[in-house]
């Protein structure tokens, strides 16, 4: 999980980020970016989805976590 956290933190310029839980549809990470709480979802496809913590709507980022990070 640490590799994914560090990669997401660098890719999305997130100040704080931590692993939250594993759901049936992917891994969930929660953090703070530009003063707003954000949530990331990384499913098996490795495509990153993001939403603001107050929202229920996931939005695709168009970015995929590299295989080397997922190992």
C-alpha atoms as a PDB file:
ATOM      1  CA  UNK A   1       0.000   0.000   0.000  1.00  0.00           C
ATOM      2  CA  UNK A   2       2.857   2.398   0.758  1.00  0.00           C
ATOM      3  CA  UNK A   3       4.024   2.453  -2.881  1.00  0.00           C
ATOM      4  CA  UNK A   4       0.518   3.293  -4.079  1.00  0.00           C
ATOM      5  CA  UNK A   5       0.118   6.010  -1.431  1.00  0.00           C
ATOM      6  CA  UNK A   6       3.442   7.609  -2.364  1.00  0.00           C
ATOM      7  CA  UNK A   7       2.679   7.427  -6.086  1.00  0.00           C
ATOM      8  CA  UNK A   8      -0.809   8.959  -5.666  1.00  0.00           C
ATOM      9  CA  UNK A   9       0.620  11.658  -3.398  1.00  0.00           C
ATOM     10  CA  UNK A  10       3.157  12.669  -6.047  1.00  0.00           C
ATOM     11  CA  UNK A  11       0.887  12.293  -9.080  1.00  0.00           C
ATOM     12  CA  UNK A  12      -2.015  14.290  -7.628  1.00  0.00           C
ATOM     13  CA  UNK A  13      -0.046  16.679  -5.372  1.00  0.00           C
ATOM     14  CA  UNK A  14      -1.856  15.509  -2.248  1.00  0.00           C
ATOM     15  CA  UNK A  15      -0.538  16.863   1.051  1.00  0.00           C
ATOM     16  CA  UNK A  16      -1.734  13.963   3.203  1.00  0.00           C
ATOM     17  CA  UNK A  17      -2.925  10.572   2.022  1.00  0.00           C
ATOM     18  CA  UNK A  18      -3.592   7.241   3.663  1.00  0.00           C
ATOM     19  CA  UNK A  19      -5.036   3.859   2.777  1.00  0.00           C
ATOM     20  CA  UNK A  20      -8.586   3.580   4.072  1.00  0.00           C
ATOM     21  CA  UNK A  21     -10.084   0.233   3.063  1.00  0.00           C
ATOM     22  CA  UNK A  22     -10.466  -2.476   0.448  1.00  0.00           C
ATOM     23  CA  UNK A  23     -13.910  -2.672  -1.111  1.00  0.00           C
ATOM     24  CA  UNK A  24     -15.261  -5.231  -3.545  1.00  0.00           C
ATOM     25  CA  UNK A  25     -14.575  -2.803  -6.387  1.00  0.00           C
ATOM     26  CA  UNK A  26     -11.129  -1.544  -5.367  1.00  0.00           C
ATOM     27  CA  UNK A  27      -8.777   0.106  -2.900  1.00  0.00           C
ATOM     28  CA  UNK A  28      -9.842   3.359  -1.235  1.00  0.00           C
ATOM     29  CA  UNK A  29      -7.448   6.112  -0.163  1.00  0.00           C
ATOM     30  CA  UNK A  30      -8.352   9.361   1.621  1.00  0.00           C
ATOM     31  CA  UNK A  31      -6.368  12.572   1.811  1.00  0.00           C
ATOM     32  CA  UNK A  32      -6.229  16.359   1.587  1.00  0.00           C
ATOM     33  CA  UNK A  33      -5.455  18.199  -1.646  1.00  0.00           C
ATOM     34  CA  UNK A  34      -5.442  21.998  -1.884  1.00  0.00           C
ATOM     35  CA  UNK A  35      -7.306  22.240   1.412  1.00  0.00           C
ATOM     36  CA  UNK A  36     -10.100  19.871   0.373  1.00  0.00           C
ATOM     37  CA  UNK A  37     -10.648  16.325   1.539  1.00  0.00           C
ATOM     38  CA  UNK A  38     -10.520  13.918  -1.412  1.00  0.00           C
ATOM     39  CA  UNK A  39     -11.047  10.188  -1.863  1.00  0.00           C
ATOM     40  CA  UNK A  40      -9.319   8.001  -4.457  1.00  0.00           C
ATOM     41  CA  UNK A  41     -10.494   4.624  -5.717  1.00  0.00           C
ATOM     42  CA  UNK A  42      -8.099   2.250  -7.484  1.00  0.00           C
ATOM     43  CA  UNK A  43      -9.935  -0.788  -8.940  1.00  0.00           C
ATOM     44  CA  UNK A  44      -8.286  -3.858 -10.483  1.00  0.00           C
ATOM     45  CA  UNK A  45      -8.043  -2.014 -13.812  1.00  0.00           C
ATOM     46  CA  UNK A  46      -5.625   0.366 -12.016  1.00  0.00           C
ATOM     47  CA  UNK A  47      -7.441   3.423 -13.411  1.00  0.00           C
ATOM     48  CA  UNK A  48      -7.693   6.086 -10.698  1.00  0.00           C
ATOM     49  CA  UNK A  49     -11.103   7.510  -9.803  1.00  0.00           C
ATOM     50  CA  UNK A  50     -11.481  10.527  -7.519  1.00  0.00           C
ATOM     51  CA  UNK A  51     -14.206  12.363  -5.644  1.00  0.00           C
ATOM     52  CA  UNK A  52     -14.424  15.121  -3.081  1.00  0.00           C
ATOM     53  CA  UNK A  53     -15.209  13.629   0.324  1.00  0.00           C
ATOM     54  CA  UNK A  54     -18.551  15.477   0.504  1.00  0.00           C
ATOM     55  CA  UNK A  55     -19.644  14.147  -2.903  1.00  0.00           C
ATOM     56  CA  UNK A  56     -20.982  10.729  -3.849  1.00  0.00           C
ATOM     57  CA  UNK A  57     -20.014  11.044  -7.533  1.00  0.00           C
ATOM     58  CA  UNK A  58     -16.801   9.338  -8.645  1.00  0.00           C
ATOM     59  CA  UNK A  59     -14.987  10.959 -11.576  1.00  0.00           C
ATOM     60  CA  UNK A  60     -12.354   9.261 -13.736  1.00  0.00           C
ATOM     61  CA  UNK A  61      -8.959  10.968 -13.683  1.00  0.00           C
ATOM     62  CA  UNK A  62      -7.702   9.430 -16.929  1.00  0.00           C
ATOM     63  CA  UNK A  63      -4.603   8.243 -15.076  1.00  0.00           C
ATOM     64  CA  UNK A  64      -3.612   4.620 -14.510  1.00  0.00           C
ATOM     65  CA  UNK A  65      -1.370   3.399 -11.675  1.00  0.00           C
ATOM     66  CA  UNK A  66       1.743   1.805 -13.242  1.00  0.00           C
ATOM     67  CA  UNK A  67       2.204  -1.963 -12.863  1.00  0.00           C
ATOM     68  CA  UNK A  68       5.514  -1.441 -11.022  1.00  0.00           C
ATOM     69  CA  UNK A  69       3.659   0.511  -8.304  1.00  0.00           C
ATOM     70  CA  UNK A  70       0.863  -2.054  -7.928  1.00  0.00           C
ATOM     71  CA  UNK A  71       3.210  -4.991  -7.256  1.00  0.00           C
END
